[in-house]
Amino acid sequence: MGKRQLVEYHELEGVGGQGHMQNETPAQQRFRGRTTEAFLQRDWPKPELPARRALVIGGYVKTSRFEIILDAVGHVGSVEYDLEKDAFRVAAQTATTATLRVKNSDGTGRISRVECERMKPAR
């Protein structure tokens, strides 16, 4: 899926045990510090969601164009959205309402309360 550039794997020989970084040498600490700093300094492209999609969310989802917050962040729900049609559908097994915030390209927007459709429990 084109995500290989997002992951770097470095095995630190002899490191590990009860503590995650147990037995790490000073040289390994410096190496880890340098590689972490270099990774974080990269200019990463911003992720972009398509204009239409279905998502499973844990409590909330926040994007540059919209956000949906279920009535409790411990709830799980599904969201189907179509930005071109300005259509949002929220379903959940336990959440009953959600807050929807939509941002327009001109900086305006709206906030509304939506009722969650009832999801059927998985079997």
PDB file of N, CA and C in Angstrom:
ATOM      1  N   MET A   1       0.809  -1.194   0.000  1.00  0.00           N
ATOM      2  CA  MET A   1       0.000   0.000   0.000  1.00  0.00           C
ATOM      3  C   MET A   1       0.854   1.260   0.000  1.00  0.00           C
ATOM      4  N   GLY A   2       2.109   1.151  -0.334  1.00  0.00           N
ATOM      5  CA  GLY A   2       2.932   2.332  -0.417  1.00  0.00           C
ATOM      6  C   GLY A   2       3.308   2.940   0.917  1.00  0.00           C
ATOM      7  N   LYS A   3       3.385   2.144   1.959  1.00  0.00           N
ATOM      8  CA  LYS A   3       3.679   2.671   3.298  1.00  0.00           C
ATOM      9  C   LYS A   3       5.063   2.271   3.789  1.00  0.00           C
ATOM     10  N   ARG A   4       5.840   1.592   2.988  1.00  0.00           N
ATOM     11  CA  ARG A   4       7.150   1.092   3.409  1.00  0.00           C
ATOM     12  C   ARG A   4       8.055   2.214   3.927  1.00  0.00           C
ATOM     13  N   GLN A   5       7.953   3.405   3.347  1.00  0.00           N
ATOM     14  CA  GLN A   5       8.814   4.509   3.757  1.00  0.00           C
ATOM     15  C   GLN A   5       8.466   5.024   5.152  1.00  0.00           C
ATOM     16  N   LEU A   6       7.346   4.609   5.710  1.00  0.00           N
ATOM     17  CA  LEU A   6       6.936   5.077   7.027  1.00  0.00           C
ATOM     18  C   LEU A   6       7.543   4.267   8.170  1.00  0.00           C
ATOM     19  N   VAL A   7       8.202   3.167   7.845  1.00  0.00           N
ATOM     20  CA  VAL A   7       8.713   2.277   8.889  1.00  0.00           C
ATOM     21  C   VAL A   7      10.201   2.031   8.679  1.00  0.00           C
ATOM     22  N   GLU A   8      10.953   2.149   9.752  1.00  0.00           N
ATOM     23  CA  GLU A   8      12.355   1.749   9.763  1.00  0.00           C
ATOM     24  C   GLU A   8      12.519   0.762  10.895  1.00  0.00           C
ATOM     25  N   TYR A   9      13.223  -0.314  10.646  1.00  0.00           N
ATOM     26  CA  TYR A   9      13.438  -1.325  11.674  1.00  0.00           C
ATOM     27  C   TYR A   9      14.925  -1.460  11.934  1.00  0.00           C
ATOM     28  N   HIS A  10      15.312  -1.294  13.177  1.00  0.00           N
ATOM     29  CA  HIS A  10      16.697  -1.461  13.595  1.00  0.00           C
ATOM     30  C   HIS A  10      16.688  -2.378  14.816  1.00  0.00           C
ATOM     31  N   GLU A  11      17.325  -3.501  14.696  1.00  0.00           N
ATOM     32  CA  GLU A  11      17.433  -4.396  15.847  1.00  0.00           C
ATOM     33  C   GLU A  11      18.692  -4.034  16.619  1.00  0.00           C
ATOM     34  N   LEU A  12      18.539  -3.801  17.904  1.00  0.00           N
ATOM     35  CA  LEU A  12      19.656  -3.469  18.769  1.00  0.00           C
ATOM     36  C   LEU A  12      20.086  -4.748  19.484  1.00  0.00           C
ATOM     37  N   GLU A  13      21.203  -5.279  19.054  1.00  0.00           N
ATOM     38  CA  GLU A  13      21.679  -6.567  19.557  1.00  0.00           C
ATOM     39  C   GLU A  13      21.863  -6.537  21.071  1.00  0.00           C
ATOM     40  N   GLY A  14      21.293  -7.551  21.734  1.00  0.00           N
ATOM     41  CA  GLY A  14      21.444  -7.702  23.177  1.00  0.00           C
ATOM     42  C   GLY A  14      20.508  -6.844  24.008  1.00  0.00           C
ATOM     43  N   VAL A  15      19.687  -6.040  23.380  1.00  0.00           N
ATOM     44  CA  VAL A  15      18.801  -5.135  24.116  1.00  0.00           C
ATOM     45  C   VAL A  15      17.453  -5.808  24.328  1.00  0.00           C
ATOM     46  N   GLY A  16      16.933  -5.644  25.532  1.00  0.00           N
ATOM     47  CA  GLY A  16      15.621  -6.199  25.862  1.00  0.00           C
ATOM     48  C   GLY A  16      15.688  -6.956  27.171  1.00  0.00           C
ATOM     49  N   GLY A  17      14.580  -7.373  27.622  1.00  0.00           N
ATOM     50  CA  GLY A  17      14.476  -8.083  28.884  1.00  0.00           C
ATOM     51  C   GLY A  17      13.220  -7.622  29.584  1.00  0.00           C
ATOM     52  N   GLN A  18      13.270  -7.523  30.911  1.00  0.00           N
ATOM     53  CA  GLN A  18      12.089  -7.054  31.640  1.00  0.00           C
ATOM     54  C   GLN A  18      11.751  -5.615  31.265  1.00  0.00           C
ATOM     55  N   GLY A  19      12.776  -4.796  31.081  1.00  0.00           N
ATOM     56  CA  GLY A  19      12.557  -3.432  30.605  1.00  0.00           C
ATOM     57  C   GLY A  19      12.763  -3.399  29.104  1.00  0.00           C
ATOM     58  N   HIS A  20      11.979  -2.593  28.426  1.00  0.00           N
ATOM     59  CA  HIS A  20      12.013  -2.564  26.961  1.00  0.00           C
ATOM     60  C   HIS A  20      13.418  -2.278  26.424  1.00  0.00           C
ATOM     61  N   MET A  21      14.151  -1.373  27.062  1.00  0.00           N
ATOM     62  CA  MET A  21      15.480  -1.011  26.575  1.00  0.00           C
ATOM     63  C   MET A  21      16.583  -1.525  27.508  1.00  0.00           C
ATOM     64  N   GLN A  22      16.267  -2.541  28.276  1.00  0.00           N
ATOM     65  CA  GLN A  22      17.246  -3.128  29.207  1.00  0.00           C
ATOM     66  C   GLN A  22      18.481  -3.608  28.445  1.00  0.00           C
ATOM     67  N   ASN A  23      19.641  -3.385  29.010  1.00  0.00           N
ATOM     68  CA  ASN A  23      20.938  -3.789  28.450  1.00  0.00           C
ATOM     69  C   ASN A  23      21.395  -2.928  27.276  1.00  0.00           C
ATOM     70  N   GLU A  24      20.743  -1.811  27.020  1.00  0.00           N
ATOM     71  CA  GLU A  24      21.162  -0.927  25.927  1.00  0.00           C
ATOM     72  C   GLU A  24      22.470  -0.237  26.324  1.00  0.00           C
ATOM     73  N   THR A  25      23.423  -0.256  25.427  1.00  0.00           N
ATOM     74  CA  THR A  25      24.715   0.390  25.686  1.00  0.00           C
ATOM     75  C   THR A  25      24.628   1.880  25.374  1.00  0.00           C
ATOM     76  N   PRO A  26      25.554   2.690  25.866  1.00  0.00           N
ATOM     77  CA  PRO A  26      25.565   4.119  25.515  1.00  0.00           C
ATOM     78  C   PRO A  26      25.657   4.343  23.996  1.00  0.00           C
ATOM     79  N   ALA A  27      26.423   3.527  23.304  1.00  0.00           N
ATOM     80  CA  ALA A  27      26.526   3.675  21.843  1.00  0.00           C
ATOM     81  C   ALA A  27      25.182   3.385  21.174  1.00  0.00           C
ATOM     82  N   GLN A  28      24.474   2.378  21.663  1.00  0.00           N
ATOM     83  CA  GLN A  28      23.155   2.062  21.111  1.00  0.00           C
ATOM     84  C   GLN A  28      22.160   3.184  21.420  1.00  0.00           C
ATOM     85  N   GLN A  29      22.262   3.781  22.598  1.00  0.00           N
ATOM     86  CA  GLN A  29      21.388   4.907  22.947  1.00  0.00           C
ATOM     87  C   GLN A  29      21.623   6.084  21.991  1.00  0.00           C
ATOM     88  N   ARG A  30      22.888   6.366  21.713  1.00  0.00           N
ATOM     89  CA  ARG A  30      23.198   7.462  20.788  1.00  0.00           C
ATOM     90  C   ARG A  30      22.668   7.158  19.384  1.00  0.00           C
ATOM     91  N   PHE A  31      22.874   5.924  18.929  1.00  0.00           N
ATOM     92  CA  PHE A  31      22.366   5.516  17.616  1.00  0.00           C
ATOM     93  C   PHE A  31      20.849   5.678  17.553  1.00  0.00           C
ATOM     94  N   ARG A  32      20.162   5.200  18.577  1.00  0.00           N
ATOM     95  CA  ARG A  32      18.703   5.304  18.610  1.00  0.00           C
ATOM     96  C   ARG A  32      18.265   6.765  18.627  1.00  0.00           C
ATOM     97  N   GLY A  33      18.962   7.591  19.373  1.00  0.00           N
ATOM     98  CA  GLY A  33      18.646   9.018  19.411  1.00  0.00           C
ATOM     99  C   GLY A  33      18.823   9.686  18.064  1.00  0.00           C
ATOM    100  N   ARG A  34      19.939   9.394  17.391  1.00  0.00           N
ATOM    101  CA  ARG A  34      20.210   9.991  16.066  1.00  0.00           C
ATOM    102  C   ARG A  34      19.186   9.535  15.033  1.00  0.00           C
ATOM    103  N   THR A  35      18.927   8.235  14.990  1.00  0.00           N
ATOM    104  CA  THR A  35      18.000   7.728  13.969  1.00  0.00           C
ATOM    105  C   THR A  35      16.577   8.213  14.234  1.00  0.00           C
ATOM    106  N   THR A  36      16.191   8.302  15.501  1.00  0.00           N
ATOM    107  CA  THR A  36      14.855   8.811  15.826  1.00  0.00           C
ATOM    108  C   THR A  36      14.734  10.271  15.417  1.00  0.00           C
ATOM    109  N   GLU A  37      15.713  11.077  15.742  1.00  0.00           N
ATOM    110  CA  GLU A  37      15.687  12.505  15.387  1.00  0.00           C
ATOM    111  C   GLU A  37      15.646  12.684  13.873  1.00  0.00           C
ATOM    112  N   ALA A  38      16.445  11.934  13.145  1.00  0.00           N
ATOM    113  CA  ALA A  38      16.450  12.032  11.674  1.00  0.00           C
ATOM    114  C   ALA A  38      15.084  11.641  11.105  1.00  0.00           C
ATOM    115  N   PHE A  39      14.479  10.597  11.650  1.00  0.00           N
ATOM    116  CA  PHE A  39      13.167  10.138  11.192  1.00  0.00           C
ATOM    117  C   PHE A  39      12.112  11.218  11.426  1.00  0.00           C
ATOM    118  N   LEU A  40      12.158  11.849  12.594  1.00  0.00           N
ATOM    119  CA  LEU A  40      11.160  12.860  12.932  1.00  0.00           C
ATOM    120  C   LEU A  40      11.349  14.165  12.160  1.00  0.00           C
ATOM    121  N   GLN A  41      12.541  14.415  11.651  1.00  0.00           N
ATOM    122  CA  GLN A  41      12.809  15.644  10.911  1.00  0.00           C
ATOM    123  C   GLN A  41      12.417  15.549   9.440  1.00  0.00           C
ATOM    124  N   ARG A  42      12.067  14.375   8.972  1.00  0.00           N
ATOM    125  CA  ARG A  42      11.675  14.228   7.562  1.00  0.00           C
ATOM    126  C   ARG A  42      10.435  15.052   7.260  1.00  0.00           C
ATOM    127  N   ASP A  43      10.320  15.459   6.028  1.00  0.00           N
ATOM    128  CA  ASP A  43       9.158  16.205   5.567  1.00  0.00           C
ATOM    129  C   ASP A  43       8.142  15.209   5.036  1.00  0.00           C
ATOM    130  N   TRP A  44       7.211  14.809   5.888  1.00  0.00           N
ATOM    131  CA  TRP A  44       6.229  13.791   5.523  1.00  0.00           C
ATOM    132  C   TRP A  44       5.029  14.419   4.822  1.00  0.00           C
ATOM    133  N   PRO A  45       4.511  13.765   3.794  1.00  0.00           N
ATOM    134  CA  PRO A  45       3.280  14.289   3.187  1.00  0.00           C
ATOM    135  C   PRO A  45       2.111  14.095   4.155  1.00  0.00           C
ATOM    136  N   LYS A  46       1.185  15.044   4.151  1.00  0.00           N
ATOM    137  CA  LYS A  46       0.005  14.922   4.998  1.00  0.00           C
ATOM    138  C   LYS A  46      -0.903  13.837   4.427  1.00  0.00           C
ATOM    139  N   PRO A  47      -1.446  12.992   5.292  1.00  0.00           N
ATOM    140  CA  PRO A  47      -2.392  11.994   4.789  1.00  0.00           C
ATOM    141  C   PRO A  47      -3.678  12.694   4.336  1.00  0.00           C
ATOM    142  N   GLU A  48      -4.262  12.186   3.287  1.00  0.00           N
ATOM    143  CA  GLU A  48      -5.504  12.755   2.776  1.00  0.00           C
ATOM    144  C   GLU A  48      -6.527  11.648   2.617  1.00  0.00           C
ATOM    145  N   LEU A  49      -7.666  11.851   3.232  1.00  0.00           N
ATOM    146  CA  LEU A  49      -8.763  10.903   3.058  1.00  0.00           C
ATOM    147  C   LEU A  49      -9.481  11.222   1.756  1.00  0.00           C
ATOM    148  N   PRO A  50     -10.012  10.210   1.099  1.00  0.00           N
ATOM    149  CA  PRO A  50     -10.783  10.483  -0.112  1.00  0.00           C
ATOM    150  C   PRO A  50     -12.070  11.240   0.233  1.00  0.00           C
ATOM    151  N   ALA A  51     -12.712  11.797  -0.757  1.00  0.00           N
ATOM    152  CA  ALA A  51     -13.932  12.580  -0.553  1.00  0.00           C
ATOM    153  C   ALA A  51     -15.100  11.720  -0.091  1.00  0.00           C
ATOM    154  N   ARG A  52     -14.990  10.414  -0.297  1.00  0.00           N
ATOM    155  CA  ARG A  52     -16.073   9.498   0.067  1.00  0.00           C
ATOM    156  C   ARG A  52     -15.454   8.242   0.651  1.00  0.00           C
ATOM    157  N   ARG A  53     -15.969   7.809   1.830  1.00  0.00           N
ATOM    158  CA  ARG A  53     -15.354   6.632   2.454  1.00  0.00           C
ATOM    159  C   ARG A  53     -16.193   6.164   3.634  1.00  0.00           C
ATOM    160  N   ALA A  54     -15.892   4.970   4.095  1.00  0.00           N
ATOM    161  CA  ALA A  54     -16.467   4.426   5.329  1.00  0.00           C
ATOM    162  C   ALA A  54     -15.316   4.182   6.290  1.00  0.00           C
ATOM    163  N   LEU A  55     -15.503   4.569   7.552  1.00  0.00           N
ATOM    164  CA  LEU A  55     -14.480   4.411   8.577  1.00  0.00           C
ATOM    165  C   LEU A  55     -15.078   3.764   9.816  1.00  0.00           C
ATOM    166  N   VAL A  56     -14.279   3.018  10.532  1.00  0.00           N
ATOM    167  CA  VAL A  56     -14.632   2.572  11.879  1.00  0.00           C
ATOM    168  C   VAL A  56     -13.858   3.481  12.819  1.00  0.00           C
ATOM    169  N   ILE A  57     -14.549   4.066  13.798  1.00  0.00           N
ATOM    170  CA  ILE A  57     -13.892   5.010  14.694  1.00  0.00           C
ATOM    171  C   ILE A  57     -14.030   4.560  16.145  1.00  0.00           C
ATOM    172  N   GLY A  58     -13.029   4.863  16.913  1.00  0.00           N
ATOM    173  CA  GLY A  58     -13.043   4.623  18.352  1.00  0.00           C
ATOM    174  C   GLY A  58     -13.246   5.948  19.058  1.00  0.00           C
ATOM    175  N   GLY A  59     -14.476   6.287  19.361  1.00  0.00           N
ATOM    176  CA  GLY A  59     -14.776   7.505  20.101  1.00  0.00           C
ATOM    177  C   GLY A  59     -14.912   8.746  19.247  1.00  0.00           C
ATOM    178  N   TYR A  60     -13.942   8.978  18.358  1.00  0.00           N
ATOM    179  CA  TYR A  60     -13.987  10.183  17.526  1.00  0.00           C
ATOM    180  C   TYR A  60     -13.042  10.039  16.351  1.00  0.00           C
ATOM    181  N   VAL A  61     -13.250  10.899  15.374  1.00  0.00           N
ATOM    182  CA  VAL A  61     -12.315  11.045  14.260  1.00  0.00           C
ATOM    183  C   VAL A  61     -12.242  12.535  13.959  1.00  0.00           C
ATOM    184  N   LYS A  62     -11.040  13.029  13.725  1.00  0.00           N
ATOM    185  CA  LYS A  62     -10.855  14.443  13.406  1.00  0.00           C
ATOM    186  C   LYS A  62      -9.984  14.535  12.167  1.00  0.00           C
ATOM    187  N   THR A  63     -10.480  15.219  11.150  1.00  0.00           N
ATOM    188  CA  THR A  63      -9.748  15.416   9.907  1.00  0.00           C
ATOM    189  C   THR A  63      -9.699  16.917   9.624  1.00  0.00           C
ATOM    190  N   SER A  64      -9.035  17.299   8.554  1.00  0.00           N
ATOM    191  CA  SER A  64      -8.976  18.722   8.203  1.00  0.00           C
ATOM    192  C   SER A  64     -10.323  19.234   7.700  1.00  0.00           C
ATOM    193  N   ARG A  65     -11.205  18.350   7.258  1.00  0.00           N
ATOM    194  CA  ARG A  65     -12.499  18.768   6.697  1.00  0.00           C
ATOM    195  C   ARG A  65     -13.674  18.544   7.641  1.00  0.00           C
ATOM    196  N   PHE A  66     -13.582  17.554   8.527  1.00  0.00           N
ATOM    197  CA  PHE A  66     -14.705  17.270   9.425  1.00  0.00           C
ATOM    198  C   PHE A  66     -14.206  16.526  10.651  1.00  0.00           C
ATOM    199  N   GLU A  67     -15.057  16.512  11.674  1.00  0.00           N
ATOM    200  CA  GLU A  67     -14.802  15.677  12.837  1.00  0.00           C
ATOM    201  C   GLU A  67     -16.129  15.160  13.358  1.00  0.00           C
ATOM    202  N   ILE A  68     -16.075  13.966  13.896  1.00  0.00           N
ATOM    203  CA  ILE A  68     -17.245  13.330  14.496  1.00  0.00           C
ATOM    204  C   ILE A  68     -16.826  12.823  15.861  1.00  0.00           C
ATOM    205  N   ILE A  69     -17.602  13.190  16.878  1.00  0.00           N
ATOM    206  CA  ILE A  69     -17.313  12.771  18.242  1.00  0.00           C
ATOM    207  C   ILE A  69     -18.538  12.028  18.764  1.00  0.00           C
ATOM    208  N   LEU A  70     -18.369  10.752  19.077  1.00  0.00           N
ATOM    209  CA  LEU A  70     -19.467   9.984  19.637  1.00  0.00           C
ATOM    210  C   LEU A  70     -19.766  10.488  21.049  1.00  0.00           C
ATOM    211  N   ASP A  71     -20.949  10.148  21.580  1.00  0.00           N
ATOM    212  CA  ASP A  71     -21.345  10.679  22.885  1.00  0.00           C
ATOM    213  C   ASP A  71     -20.468  10.213  24.040  1.00  0.00           C
ATOM    214  N   ALA A  72     -19.596   9.249  23.803  1.00  0.00           N
ATOM    215  CA  ALA A  72     -18.586   8.843  24.795  1.00  0.00           C
ATOM    216  C   ALA A  72     -17.387   8.315  24.024  1.00  0.00           C
ATOM    217  N   VAL A  73     -16.194   8.747  24.403  1.00  0.00           N
ATOM    218  CA  VAL A  73     -15.012   8.343  23.642  1.00  0.00           C
ATOM    219  C   VAL A  73     -14.716   6.856  23.782  1.00  0.00           C
ATOM    220  N   GLY A  74     -15.336   6.178  24.722  1.00  0.00           N
ATOM    221  CA  GLY A  74     -15.157   4.734  24.859  1.00  0.00           C
ATOM    222  C   GLY A  74     -16.031   3.929  23.918  1.00  0.00           C
ATOM    223  N   HIS A  75     -16.867   4.587  23.138  1.00  0.00           N
ATOM    224  CA  HIS A  75     -17.751   3.893  22.204  1.00  0.00           C
ATOM    225  C   HIS A  75     -17.079   3.724  20.846  1.00  0.00           C
ATOM    226  N   VAL A  76     -17.525   2.742  20.114  1.00  0.00           N
ATOM    227  CA  VAL A  76     -17.024   2.478  18.758  1.00  0.00           C
ATOM    228  C   VAL A  76     -18.194   2.616  17.801  1.00  0.00           C
ATOM    229  N   GLY A  77     -17.923   3.196  16.668  1.00  0.00           N
ATOM    230  CA  GLY A  77     -18.978   3.349  15.674  1.00  0.00           C
ATOM    231  C   GLY A  77     -18.420   3.305  14.268  1.00  0.00           C
ATOM    232  N   SER A  78     -19.324   3.399  13.315  1.00  0.00           N
ATOM    233  CA  SER A  78     -18.902   3.465  11.920  1.00  0.00           C
ATOM    234  C   SER A  78     -19.441   4.756  11.319  1.00  0.00           C
ATOM    235  N   VAL A  79     -18.676   5.308  10.412  1.00  0.00           N
ATOM    236  CA  VAL A  79     -19.038   6.558   9.751  1.00  0.00           C
ATOM    237  C   VAL A  79     -18.930   6.340   8.251  1.00  0.00           C
ATOM    238  N   GLU A  80     -19.966   6.694   7.553  1.00  0.00           N
ATOM    239  CA  GLU A  80     -19.918   6.737   6.094  1.00  0.00           C
ATOM    240  C   GLU A  80     -20.096   8.196   5.713  1.00  0.00           C
ATOM    241  N   TYR A  81     -19.195   8.715   4.899  1.00  0.00           N
ATOM    242  CA  TYR A  81     -19.306  10.117   4.528  1.00  0.00           C
ATOM    243  C   TYR A  81     -19.073  10.300   3.037  1.00  0.00           C
ATOM    244  N   ASP A  82     -19.669  11.359   2.526  1.00  0.00           N
ATOM    245  CA  ASP A  82     -19.472  11.782   1.145  1.00  0.00           C
ATOM    246  C   ASP A  82     -19.391  13.306   1.185  1.00  0.00           C
ATOM    247  N   LEU A  83     -18.187  13.842   1.098  1.00  0.00           N
ATOM    248  CA  LEU A  83     -17.993  15.284   1.219  1.00  0.00           C
ATOM    249  C   LEU A  83     -18.598  16.051   0.054  1.00  0.00           C
ATOM    250  N   GLU A  84     -18.604  15.459  -1.131  1.00  0.00           N
ATOM    251  CA  GLU A  84     -19.179  16.147  -2.286  1.00  0.00           C
ATOM    252  C   GLU A  84     -20.687  16.327  -2.140  1.00  0.00           C
ATOM    253  N   LYS A  85     -21.338  15.367  -1.499  1.00  0.00           N
ATOM    254  CA  LYS A  85     -22.791  15.445  -1.279  1.00  0.00           C
ATOM    255  C   LYS A  85     -23.126  15.998   0.100  1.00  0.00           C
ATOM    256  N   ASP A  86     -22.097  16.285   0.909  1.00  0.00           N
ATOM    257  CA  ASP A  86     -22.286  16.755   2.278  1.00  0.00           C
ATOM    258  C   ASP A  86     -23.182  15.787   3.056  1.00  0.00           C
ATOM    259  N   ALA A  87     -22.866  14.498   2.928  1.00  0.00           N
ATOM    260  CA  ALA A  87     -23.676  13.457   3.571  1.00  0.00           C
ATOM    261  C   ALA A  87     -22.831  12.690   4.581  1.00  0.00           C
ATOM    262  N   PHE A  88     -23.397  12.479   5.769  1.00  0.00           N
ATOM    263  CA  PHE A  88     -22.736  11.743   6.836  1.00  0.00           C
ATOM    264  C   PHE A  88     -23.737  10.779   7.459  1.00  0.00           C
ATOM    265  N   ARG A  89     -23.289   9.553   7.689  1.00  0.00           N
ATOM    266  CA  ARG A  89     -24.113   8.548   8.359  1.00  0.00           C
ATOM    267  C   ARG A  89     -23.271   7.952   9.476  1.00  0.00           C
ATOM    268  N   VAL A  90     -23.793   7.965  10.687  1.00  0.00           N
ATOM    269  CA  VAL A  90     -23.077   7.440  11.845  1.00  0.00           C
ATOM    270  C   VAL A  90     -23.896   6.306  12.432  1.00  0.00           C
ATOM    271  N   ALA A  91     -23.234   5.192  12.696  1.00  0.00           N
ATOM    272  CA  ALA A  91     -23.906   4.052  13.314  1.00  0.00           C
ATOM    273  C   ALA A  91     -23.044   3.551  14.466  1.00  0.00           C
ATOM    274  N   ALA A  92     -23.697   3.057  15.516  1.00  0.00           N
ATOM    275  CA  ALA A  92     -22.970   2.551  16.674  1.00  0.00           C
ATOM    276  C   ALA A  92     -23.851   1.563  17.414  1.00  0.00           C
ATOM    277  N   GLN A  93     -23.214   0.688  18.154  1.00  0.00           N
ATOM    278  CA  GLN A  93     -23.969  -0.288  18.937  1.00  0.00           C
ATOM    279  C   GLN A  93     -24.414   0.311  20.269  1.00  0.00           C
ATOM    280  N   THR A  94     -23.563   1.156  20.881  1.00  0.00           N
ATOM    281  CA  THR A  94     -23.904   1.709  22.186  1.00  0.00           C
ATOM    282  C   THR A  94     -24.075   3.227  22.181  1.00  0.00           C
ATOM    283  N   ALA A  95     -23.364   3.950  21.345  1.00  0.00           N
ATOM    284  CA  ALA A  95     -23.533   5.409  21.284  1.00  0.00           C
ATOM    285  C   ALA A  95     -24.890   5.731  20.669  1.00  0.00           C
ATOM    286  N   THR A  96     -25.520   6.789  21.153  1.00  0.00           N
ATOM    287  CA  THR A  96     -26.828   7.174  20.609  1.00  0.00           C
ATOM    288  C   THR A  96     -26.765   8.457  19.792  1.00  0.00           C
ATOM    289  N   THR A  97     -25.823   9.343  20.131  1.00  0.00           N
ATOM    290  CA  THR A  97     -25.677  10.594  19.379  1.00  0.00           C
ATOM    291  C   THR A  97     -24.199  10.877  19.123  1.00  0.00           C
ATOM    292  N   ALA A  98     -23.975  11.792  18.207  1.00  0.00           N
ATOM    293  CA  ALA A  98     -22.610  12.219  17.895  1.00  0.00           C
ATOM    294  C   ALA A  98     -22.640  13.697  17.534  1.00  0.00           C
ATOM    295  N   THR A  99     -21.530  14.370  17.769  1.00  0.00           N
ATOM    296  CA  THR A  99     -21.372  15.753  17.343  1.00  0.00           C
ATOM    297  C   THR A  99     -20.635  15.751  16.015  1.00  0.00           C
ATOM    298  N   LEU A 100     -21.169  16.447  15.044  1.00  0.00           N
ATOM    299  CA  LEU A 100     -20.575  16.550  13.715  1.00  0.00           C
ATOM    300  C   LEU A 100     -20.150  17.993  13.488  1.00  0.00           C
ATOM    301  N   ARG A 101     -18.887  18.183  13.163  1.00  0.00           N
ATOM    302  CA  ARG A 101     -18.369  19.507  12.791  1.00  0.00           C
ATOM    303  C   ARG A 101     -17.840  19.399  11.371  1.00  0.00           C
ATOM    304  N   VAL A 102     -18.351  20.227  10.492  1.00  0.00           N
ATOM    305  CA  VAL A 102     -17.924  20.222   9.093  1.00  0.00           C
ATOM    306  C   VAL A 102     -17.310  21.580   8.786  1.00  0.00           C
ATOM    307  N   LYS A 103     -16.122  21.558   8.168  1.00  0.00           N
ATOM    308  CA  LYS A 103     -15.424  22.794   7.801  1.00  0.00           C
ATOM    309  C   LYS A 103     -15.489  22.977   6.288  1.00  0.00           C
ATOM    310  N   ASN A 104     -15.886  24.147   5.879  1.00  0.00           N
ATOM    311  CA  ASN A 104     -15.935  24.464   4.453  1.00  0.00           C
ATOM    312  C   ASN A 104     -14.600  25.049   4.014  1.00  0.00           C
ATOM    313  N   SER A 105     -14.350  25.018   2.732  1.00  0.00           N
ATOM    314  CA  SER A 105     -13.077  25.531   2.211  1.00  0.00           C
ATOM    315  C   SER A 105     -12.921  27.033   2.415  1.00  0.00           C
ATOM    316  N   ASP A 106     -14.027  27.759   2.590  1.00  0.00           N
ATOM    317  CA  ASP A 106     -13.943  29.213   2.798  1.00  0.00           C
ATOM    318  C   ASP A 106     -13.750  29.588   4.272  1.00  0.00           C
ATOM    319  N   GLY A 107     -13.592  28.582   5.135  1.00  0.00           N
ATOM    320  CA  GLY A 107     -13.367  28.846   6.555  1.00  0.00           C
ATOM    321  C   GLY A 107     -14.624  28.795   7.397  1.00  0.00           C
ATOM    322  N   THR A 108     -15.778  28.811   6.761  1.00  0.00           N
ATOM    323  CA  THR A 108     -17.021  28.689   7.514  1.00  0.00           C
ATOM    324  C   THR A 108     -17.271  27.223   7.831  1.00  0.00           C
ATOM    325  N   GLY A 109     -18.279  26.969   8.601  1.00  0.00           N
ATOM    326  CA  GLY A 109     -18.596  25.581   8.915  1.00  0.00           C
ATOM    327  C   GLY A 109     -19.869  25.481   9.712  1.00  0.00           C
ATOM    328  N   ARG A 110     -20.146  24.278  10.157  1.00  0.00           N
ATOM    329  CA  ARG A 110     -21.346  24.062  10.957  1.00  0.00           C
ATOM    330  C   ARG A 110     -21.081  22.976  11.990  1.00  0.00           C
ATOM    331  N   ILE A 111     -21.825  23.040  13.052  1.00  0.00           N
ATOM    332  CA  ILE A 111     -21.787  22.021  14.097  1.00  0.00           C
ATOM    333  C   ILE A 111     -23.211  21.524  14.265  1.00  0.00           C
ATOM    334  N   SER A 112     -23.375  20.210  14.300  1.00  0.00           N
ATOM    335  CA  SER A 112     -24.711  19.657  14.504  1.00  0.00           C
ATOM    336  C   SER A 112     -24.635  18.387  15.332  1.00  0.00           C
ATOM    337  N   ARG A 113     -25.753  18.039  15.917  1.00  0.00           N
ATOM    338  CA  ARG A 113     -25.888  16.815  16.689  1.00  0.00           C
ATOM    339  C   ARG A 113     -26.607  15.815  15.799  1.00  0.00           C
ATOM    340  N   VAL A 114     -26.049  14.622  15.633  1.00  0.00           N
ATOM    341  CA  VAL A 114     -26.685  13.613  14.784  1.00  0.00           C
ATOM    342  C   VAL A 114     -27.034  12.384  15.620  1.00  0.00           C
ATOM    343  N   GLU A 115     -28.117  11.760  15.264  1.00  0.00           N
ATOM    344  CA  GLU A 115     -28.523  10.509  15.909  1.00  0.00           C
ATOM    345  C   GLU A 115     -27.749   9.364  15.276  1.00  0.00           C
ATOM    346  N   CYS A 116     -27.277   8.464  16.104  1.00  0.00           N
ATOM    347  CA  CYS A 116     -26.557   7.288  15.587  1.00  0.00           C
ATOM    348  C   CYS A 116     -27.558   6.201  15.237  1.00  0.00           C
ATOM    349  N   GLU A 117     -27.407   5.630  14.064  1.00  0.00           N
ATOM    350  CA  GLU A 117     -28.191   4.452  13.723  1.00  0.00           C
ATOM    351  C   GLU A 117     -27.698   3.299  14.579  1.00  0.00           C
ATOM    352  N   ARG A 118     -28.537   2.363  14.868  1.00  0.00           N
ATOM    353  CA  ARG A 118     -28.172   1.235  15.723  1.00  0.00           C
ATOM    354  C   ARG A 118     -27.451   0.178  14.897  1.00  0.00           C
ATOM    355  N   MET A 119     -26.220  -0.170  15.327  1.00  0.00           N
ATOM    356  CA  MET A 119     -25.467  -1.251  14.680  1.00  0.00           C
ATOM    357  C   MET A 119     -25.888  -2.576  15.264  1.00  0.00           C
ATOM    358  N   LYS A 120     -25.961  -3.567  14.446  1.00  0.00           N
ATOM    359  CA  LYS A 120     -26.227  -4.913  14.953  1.00  0.00           C
ATOM    360  C   LYS A 120     -24.952  -5.504  15.529  1.00  0.00           C
ATOM    361  N   PRO A 121     -25.035  -6.191  16.660  1.00  0.00           N
ATOM    362  CA  PRO A 121     -23.829  -6.793  17.237  1.00  0.00           C
ATOM    363  C   PRO A 121     -23.230  -7.842  16.302  1.00  0.00           C
ATOM    364  N   ALA A 122     -21.899  -7.903  16.287  1.00  0.00           N
ATOM    365  CA  ALA A 122     -21.211  -8.919  15.485  1.00  0.00           C
ATOM    366  C   ALA A 122     -21.442 -10.287  16.105  1.00  0.00           C
ATOM    367  N   ARG A 123     -21.532 -11.279  15.285  1.00  0.00           N
ATOM    368  CA  ARG A 123     -21.743 -12.649  15.806  1.00  0.00           C
ATOM    369  C   ARG A 123     -20.504 -13.462  15.595  1.00  0.00           C
TER     370      ARG A 123
END
